[in-house]
Amino acid sequence: SAAEPDLIVIGGRSAAKYGELSKIAPT
């Protein structure tokens, strides 16, 4: 959140966190 991203890219090991991360920025 502090980084104020314009885009977050996930995959594999981090895929399960899509729901939470997509609330912060487009994922």
PDB file of all heavy atoms in Angstrom:
ATOM      1  N   SER A   1       0.826  -1.213   0.000  1.00  0.00           N
ATOM      2  CA  SER A   1       0.000   0.000   0.000  1.00  0.00           C
ATOM      3  C   SER A   1       0.860   1.262   0.000  1.00  0.00           C
ATOM      4  O   SER A   1       0.575   2.233  -0.718  1.00  0.00           O
ATOM      5  CB  SER A   1      -0.920   0.008   1.225  1.00  0.00           C
ATOM      6  OG  SER A   1      -1.853  -1.053   1.163  1.00  0.00           O
ATOM      7  N   ALA A   2       1.931   1.233   0.791  1.00  0.00           N
ATOM      8  CA  ALA A   2       2.807   2.404   0.888  1.00  0.00           C
ATOM      9  C   ALA A   2       3.485   2.717  -0.444  1.00  0.00           C
ATOM     10  O   ALA A   2       3.789   3.875  -0.737  1.00  0.00           O
ATOM     11  CB  ALA A   2       3.859   2.180   1.974  1.00  0.00           C
ATOM     12  N   ALA A   3       3.709   1.697  -1.253  1.00  0.00           N
ATOM     13  CA  ALA A   3       4.367   1.888  -2.548  1.00  0.00           C
ATOM     14  C   ALA A   3       3.463   2.567  -3.571  1.00  0.00           C
ATOM     15  O   ALA A   3       3.940   3.061  -4.591  1.00  0.00           O
ATOM     16  CB  ALA A   3       4.847   0.540  -3.089  1.00  0.00           C
ATOM     17  N   GLU A   4       2.163   2.575  -3.320  1.00  0.00           N
ATOM     18  CA  GLU A   4       1.173   3.177  -4.222  1.00  0.00           C
ATOM     19  C   GLU A   4       1.361   2.699  -5.669  1.00  0.00           C
ATOM     20  O   GLU A   4       1.595   3.502  -6.579  1.00  0.00           O
ATOM     21  CB  GLU A   4       1.252   4.712  -4.148  1.00  0.00           C
ATOM     22  CG  GLU A   4       0.934   5.254  -2.769  1.00  0.00           C
ATOM     23  CD  GLU A   4       0.953   6.782  -2.729  1.00  0.00           C
ATOM     24  OE1 GLU A   4       1.601   7.386  -3.603  1.00  0.00           O
ATOM     25  OE2 GLU A   4       0.316   7.344  -1.820  1.00  0.00           O
ATOM     26  N   PRO A   5       1.250   1.386  -5.884  1.00  0.00           N
ATOM     27  CA  PRO A   5       1.514   0.842  -7.222  1.00  0.00           C
ATOM     28  C   PRO A   5       0.417   1.176  -8.235  1.00  0.00           C
ATOM     29  O   PRO A   5      -0.743   1.369  -7.866  1.00  0.00           O
ATOM     30  CB  PRO A   5       1.555  -0.666  -6.963  1.00  0.00           C
ATOM     31  CG  PRO A   5       0.649  -0.874  -5.786  1.00  0.00           C
ATOM     32  CD  PRO A   5       0.881   0.336  -4.916  1.00  0.00           C
ATOM     33  N   ASP A   6       0.826   1.230  -9.489  1.00  0.00           N
ATOM     34  CA  ASP A   6      -0.129   1.356 -10.589  1.00  0.00           C
ATOM     35  C   ASP A   6      -0.533  -0.023 -11.107  1.00  0.00           C
ATOM     36  O   ASP A   6      -1.584  -0.176 -11.736  1.00  0.00           O
ATOM     37  CB  ASP A   6       0.490   2.167 -11.732  1.00  0.00           C
ATOM     38  CG  ASP A   6       0.860   3.574 -11.303  1.00  0.00           C
ATOM     39  OD1 ASP A   6      -0.049   4.282 -10.844  1.00  0.00           O
ATOM     40  OD2 ASP A   6       2.046   3.940 -11.394  1.00  0.00           O
ATOM     41  N   LEU A   7       0.324  -1.022 -10.848  1.00  0.00           N
ATOM     42  CA  LEU A   7       0.056  -2.397 -11.288  1.00  0.00           C
ATOM     43  C   LEU A   7       0.773  -3.363 -10.367  1.00  0.00           C
ATOM     44  O   LEU A   7       1.920  -3.128  -9.962  1.00  0.00           O
ATOM     45  CB  LEU A   7       0.552  -2.611 -12.729  1.00  0.00           C
ATOM     46  CG  LEU A   7       0.455  -4.049 -13.272  1.00  0.00           C
ATOM     47  CD1 LEU A   7      -1.002  -4.476 -13.417  1.00  0.00           C
ATOM     48  CD2 LEU A   7       1.176  -4.167 -14.610  1.00  0.00           C
ATOM     49  N   ILE A   8       0.090  -4.468 -10.039  1.00  0.00           N
ATOM     50  CA  ILE A   8       0.695  -5.564  -9.276  1.00  0.00           C
ATOM     51  C   ILE A   8       0.632  -6.810 -10.143  1.00  0.00           C
ATOM     52  O   ILE A   8      -0.414  -7.144 -10.692  1.00  0.00           O
ATOM     53  CB  ILE A   8      -0.043  -5.804  -7.946  1.00  0.00           C
ATOM     54  CG1 ILE A   8      -0.035  -4.538  -7.084  1.00  0.00           C
ATOM     55  CG2 ILE A   8       0.581  -6.975  -7.191  1.00  0.00           C
ATOM     56  CD1 ILE A   8      -0.917  -4.636  -5.847  1.00  0.00           C
ATOM     57  N   VAL A   9       1.773  -7.504 -10.249  1.00  0.00           N
ATOM     58  CA  VAL A   9       1.843  -8.731 -11.040  1.00  0.00           C
ATOM     59  C   VAL A   9       2.125  -9.895 -10.098  1.00  0.00           C
ATOM     60  O   VAL A   9       3.100  -9.873  -9.339  1.00  0.00           O
ATOM     61  CB  VAL A   9       2.947  -8.652 -12.114  1.00  0.00           C
ATOM     62  CG1 VAL A   9       2.972  -9.933 -12.944  1.00  0.00           C
ATOM     63  CG2 VAL A   9       2.733  -7.434 -13.020  1.00  0.00           C
ATOM     64  N   ILE A  10       1.265 -10.917 -10.153  1.00  0.00           N
ATOM     65  CA  ILE A  10       1.440 -12.103  -9.320  1.00  0.00           C
ATOM     66  C   ILE A  10       1.460 -13.341 -10.209  1.00  0.00           C
ATOM     67  O   ILE A  10       1.231 -13.273 -11.415  1.00  0.00           O
ATOM     68  CB  ILE A  10       0.319 -12.229  -8.268  1.00  0.00           C
ATOM     69  CG1 ILE A  10      -1.047 -12.404  -8.960  1.00  0.00           C
ATOM     70  CG2 ILE A  10       0.306 -11.032  -7.341  1.00  0.00           C
ATOM     71  CD1 ILE A  10      -2.189 -12.710  -8.005  1.00  0.00           C
ATOM     72  N   GLY A  11       1.707 -14.484  -9.576  1.00  0.00           N
ATOM     73  CA  GLY A  11       1.684 -15.743 -10.313  1.00  0.00           C
ATOM     74  C   GLY A  11       2.186 -16.860  -9.430  1.00  0.00           C
ATOM     75  O   GLY A  11       3.000 -16.646  -8.523  1.00  0.00           O
ATOM     76  N   GLY A  12       1.708 -18.065  -9.676  1.00  0.00           N
ATOM     77  CA  GLY A  12       2.217 -19.228  -8.951  1.00  0.00           C
ATOM     78  C   GLY A  12       1.995 -19.124  -7.458  1.00  0.00           C
ATOM     79  O   GLY A  12       0.867 -19.129  -6.955  1.00  0.00           O
ATOM     80  N   ARG A  13       3.092 -18.993  -6.718  1.00  0.00           N
ATOM     81  CA  ARG A  13       3.047 -19.008  -5.258  1.00  0.00           C
ATOM     82  C   ARG A  13       2.191 -17.886  -4.678  1.00  0.00           C
ATOM     83  O   ARG A  13       1.628 -18.029  -3.600  1.00  0.00           O
ATOM     84  CB  ARG A  13       4.468 -18.928  -4.705  1.00  0.00           C
ATOM     85  CG  ARG A  13       5.349 -20.130  -5.067  1.00  0.00           C
ATOM     86  CD  ARG A  13       6.807 -19.860  -4.705  1.00  0.00           C
ATOM     87  NE  ARG A  13       7.657 -21.029  -4.892  1.00  0.00           N
ATOM     88  CZ  ARG A  13       8.272 -21.320  -6.035  1.00  0.00           C
ATOM     89  NH1 ARG A  13       8.106 -20.524  -7.098  1.00  0.00           N
ATOM     90  NH2 ARG A  13       9.034 -22.402  -6.133  1.00  0.00           N
ATOM     91  N   SER A  14       2.127 -16.756  -5.365  1.00  0.00           N
ATOM     92  CA  SER A  14       1.373 -15.602  -4.841  1.00  0.00           C
ATOM     93  C   SER A  14      -0.058 -15.528  -5.362  1.00  0.00           C
ATOM     94  O   SER A  14      -0.814 -14.629  -4.982  1.00  0.00           O
ATOM     95  CB  SER A  14       2.110 -14.300  -5.194  1.00  0.00           C
ATOM     96  OG  SER A  14       2.359 -14.215  -6.591  1.00  0.00           O
ATOM     97  N   ALA A  15      -0.447 -16.472  -6.211  1.00  0.00           N
ATOM     98  CA  ALA A  15      -1.765 -16.396  -6.862  1.00  0.00           C
ATOM     99  C   ALA A  15      -2.921 -16.362  -5.867  1.00  0.00           C
ATOM    100  O   ALA A  15      -3.937 -15.701  -6.109  1.00  0.00           O
ATOM    101  CB  ALA A  15      -1.939 -17.575  -7.822  1.00  0.00           C
ATOM    102  N   ALA A  16      -2.755 -17.030  -4.737  1.00  0.00           N
ATOM    103  CA  ALA A  16      -3.836 -17.092  -3.751  1.00  0.00           C
ATOM    104  C   ALA A  16      -4.139 -15.732  -3.121  1.00  0.00           C
ATOM    105  O   ALA A  16      -5.187 -15.545  -2.501  1.00  0.00           O
ATOM    106  CB  ALA A  16      -3.486 -18.094  -2.653  1.00  0.00           C
ATOM    107  N   LYS A  17      -3.233 -14.775  -3.289  1.00  0.00           N
ATOM    108  CA  LYS A  17      -3.416 -13.455  -2.676  1.00  0.00           C
ATOM    109  C   LYS A  17      -4.049 -12.452  -3.634  1.00  0.00           C
ATOM    110  O   LYS A  17      -4.096 -11.249  -3.352  1.00  0.00           O
ATOM    111  CB  LYS A  17      -2.062 -12.921  -2.180  1.00  0.00           C
ATOM    112  CG  LYS A  17      -1.303 -13.890  -1.287  1.00  0.00           C
ATOM    113  CD  LYS A  17      -2.103 -14.304  -0.065  1.00  0.00           C
ATOM    114  CE  LYS A  17      -1.306 -15.262   0.817  1.00  0.00           C
ATOM    115  NZ  LYS A  17      -2.072 -15.718   1.978  1.00  0.00           N
ATOM    116  N   TYR A  18      -4.551 -12.936  -4.750  1.00  0.00           N
ATOM    117  CA  TYR A  18      -5.112 -12.045  -5.770  1.00  0.00           C
ATOM    118  C   TYR A  18      -6.214 -11.143  -5.209  1.00  0.00           C
ATOM    119  O   TYR A  18      -6.233  -9.927  -5.452  1.00  0.00           O
ATOM    120  CB  TYR A  18      -5.655 -12.865  -6.937  1.00  0.00           C
ATOM    121  CG  TYR A  18      -6.391 -12.044  -7.969  1.00  0.00           C
ATOM    122  CD1 TYR A  18      -5.690 -11.279  -8.896  1.00  0.00           C
ATOM    123  CD2 TYR A  18      -7.788 -12.018  -8.002  1.00  0.00           C
ATOM    124  CE1 TYR A  18      -6.357 -10.511  -9.835  1.00  0.00           C
ATOM    125  CE2 TYR A  18      -8.466 -11.246  -8.938  1.00  0.00           C
ATOM    126  CZ  TYR A  18      -7.748 -10.501  -9.850  1.00  0.00           C
ATOM    127  OH  TYR A  18      -8.414  -9.726 -10.772  1.00  0.00           O
ATOM    128  N   GLY A  19      -7.133 -11.729  -4.446  1.00  0.00           N
ATOM    129  CA  GLY A  19      -8.275 -10.974  -3.940  1.00  0.00           C
ATOM    130  C   GLY A  19      -7.862  -9.772  -3.116  1.00  0.00           C
ATOM    131  O   GLY A  19      -8.370  -8.661  -3.322  1.00  0.00           O
ATOM    132  N   GLU A  20      -6.943  -9.978  -2.182  1.00  0.00           N
ATOM    133  CA  GLU A  20      -6.513  -8.878  -1.312  1.00  0.00           C
ATOM    134  C   GLU A  20      -5.695  -7.849  -2.081  1.00  0.00           C
ATOM    135  O   GLU A  20      -5.871  -6.638  -1.901  1.00  0.00           O
ATOM    136  CB  GLU A  20      -5.695  -9.437  -0.139  1.00  0.00           C
ATOM    137  CG  GLU A  20      -6.503 -10.227   0.871  1.00  0.00           C
ATOM    138  CD  GLU A  20      -7.616  -9.391   1.479  1.00  0.00           C
ATOM    139  OE1 GLU A  20      -7.347  -8.244   1.890  1.00  0.00           O
ATOM    140  OE2 GLU A  20      -8.763  -9.875   1.531  1.00  0.00           O
ATOM    141  N   LEU A  21      -4.786  -8.303  -2.937  1.00  0.00           N
ATOM    142  CA  LEU A  21      -3.930  -7.370  -3.661  1.00  0.00           C
ATOM    143  C   LEU A  21      -4.723  -6.531  -4.654  1.00  0.00           C
ATOM    144  O   LEU A  21      -4.428  -5.353  -4.868  1.00  0.00           O
ATOM    145  CB  LEU A  21      -2.813  -8.132  -4.381  1.00  0.00           C
ATOM    146  CG  LEU A  21      -1.739  -8.722  -3.463  1.00  0.00           C
ATOM    147  CD1 LEU A  21      -0.817  -9.656  -4.244  1.00  0.00           C
ATOM    148  CD2 LEU A  21      -0.925  -7.616  -2.795  1.00  0.00           C
ATOM    149  N   SER A  22      -5.758  -7.141  -5.252  1.00  0.00           N
ATOM    150  CA  SER A  22      -6.539  -6.408  -6.253  1.00  0.00           C
ATOM    151  C   SER A  22      -7.372  -5.289  -5.630  1.00  0.00           C
ATOM    152  O   SER A  22      -7.872  -4.413  -6.338  1.00  0.00           O
ATOM    153  CB  SER A  22      -7.442  -7.369  -7.032  1.00  0.00           C
ATOM    154  OG  SER A  22      -8.372  -8.003  -6.180  1.00  0.00           O
ATOM    155  N   LYS A  23      -7.503  -5.313  -4.302  1.00  0.00           N
ATOM    156  CA  LYS A  23      -8.176  -4.209  -3.615  1.00  0.00           C
ATOM    157  C   LYS A  23      -7.264  -2.985  -3.506  1.00  0.00           C
ATOM    158  O   LYS A  23      -7.732  -1.867  -3.299  1.00  0.00           O
ATOM    159  CB  LYS A  23      -8.612  -4.644  -2.212  1.00  0.00           C
ATOM    160  CG  LYS A  23      -9.671  -5.728  -2.189  1.00  0.00           C
ATOM    161  CD  LYS A  23      -9.948  -6.174  -0.764  1.00  0.00           C
ATOM    162  CE  LYS A  23     -10.950  -7.331  -0.724  1.00  0.00           C
ATOM    163  NZ  LYS A  23     -11.148  -7.822   0.666  1.00  0.00           N
ATOM    164  N   ILE A  24      -5.963  -3.219  -3.639  1.00  0.00           N
ATOM    165  CA  ILE A  24      -4.986  -2.134  -3.498  1.00  0.00           C
ATOM    166  C   ILE A  24      -4.714  -1.462  -4.847  1.00  0.00           C
ATOM    167  O   ILE A  24      -4.622  -0.235  -4.936  1.00  0.00           O
ATOM    168  CB  ILE A  24      -3.671  -2.674  -2.898  1.00  0.00           C
ATOM    169  CG1 ILE A  24      -3.937  -3.254  -1.495  1.00  0.00           C
ATOM    170  CG2 ILE A  24      -2.598  -1.587  -2.843  1.00  0.00           C
ATOM    171  CD1 ILE A  24      -2.748  -3.976  -0.888  1.00  0.00           C
ATOM    172  N   ALA A  25      -4.575  -2.278  -5.887  1.00  0.00           N
ATOM    173  CA  ALA A  25      -4.258  -1.752  -7.223  1.00  0.00           C
ATOM    174  C   ALA A  25      -4.633  -2.801  -8.258  1.00  0.00           C
ATOM    175  O   ALA A  25      -4.817  -3.983  -7.920  1.00  0.00           O
ATOM    176  CB  ALA A  25      -2.770  -1.420  -7.318  1.00  0.00           C
ATOM    177  N   PRO A  26      -4.758  -2.422  -9.536  1.00  0.00           N
ATOM    178  CA  PRO A  26      -5.010  -3.427 -10.580  1.00  0.00           C
ATOM    179  C   PRO A  26      -3.971  -4.536 -10.509  1.00  0.00           C
ATOM    180  O   PRO A  26      -2.763  -4.271 -10.428  1.00  0.00           O
ATOM    181  CB  PRO A  26      -4.868  -2.613 -11.873  1.00  0.00           C
ATOM    182  CG  PRO A  26      -5.204  -1.215 -11.481  1.00  0.00           C
ATOM    183  CD  PRO A  26      -4.675  -1.047 -10.089  1.00  0.00           C
ATOM    184  N   THR A  27      -4.442  -5.780 -10.500  1.00  0.00           N
ATOM    185  CA  THR A  27      -3.569  -6.937 -10.306  1.00  0.00           C
ATOM    186  C   THR A  27      -3.827  -7.964 -11.394  1.00  0.00           C
ATOM    187  O   THR A  27      -4.983  -8.264 -11.717  1.00  0.00           O
ATOM    188  CB  THR A  27      -3.822  -7.573  -8.922  1.00  0.00           C
ATOM    189  OG1 THR A  27      -3.583  -6.586  -7.898  1.00  0.00           O
ATOM    190  CG2 THR A  27      -2.925  -8.768  -8.680  1.00  0.00           C
TER     191      THR A  27
END
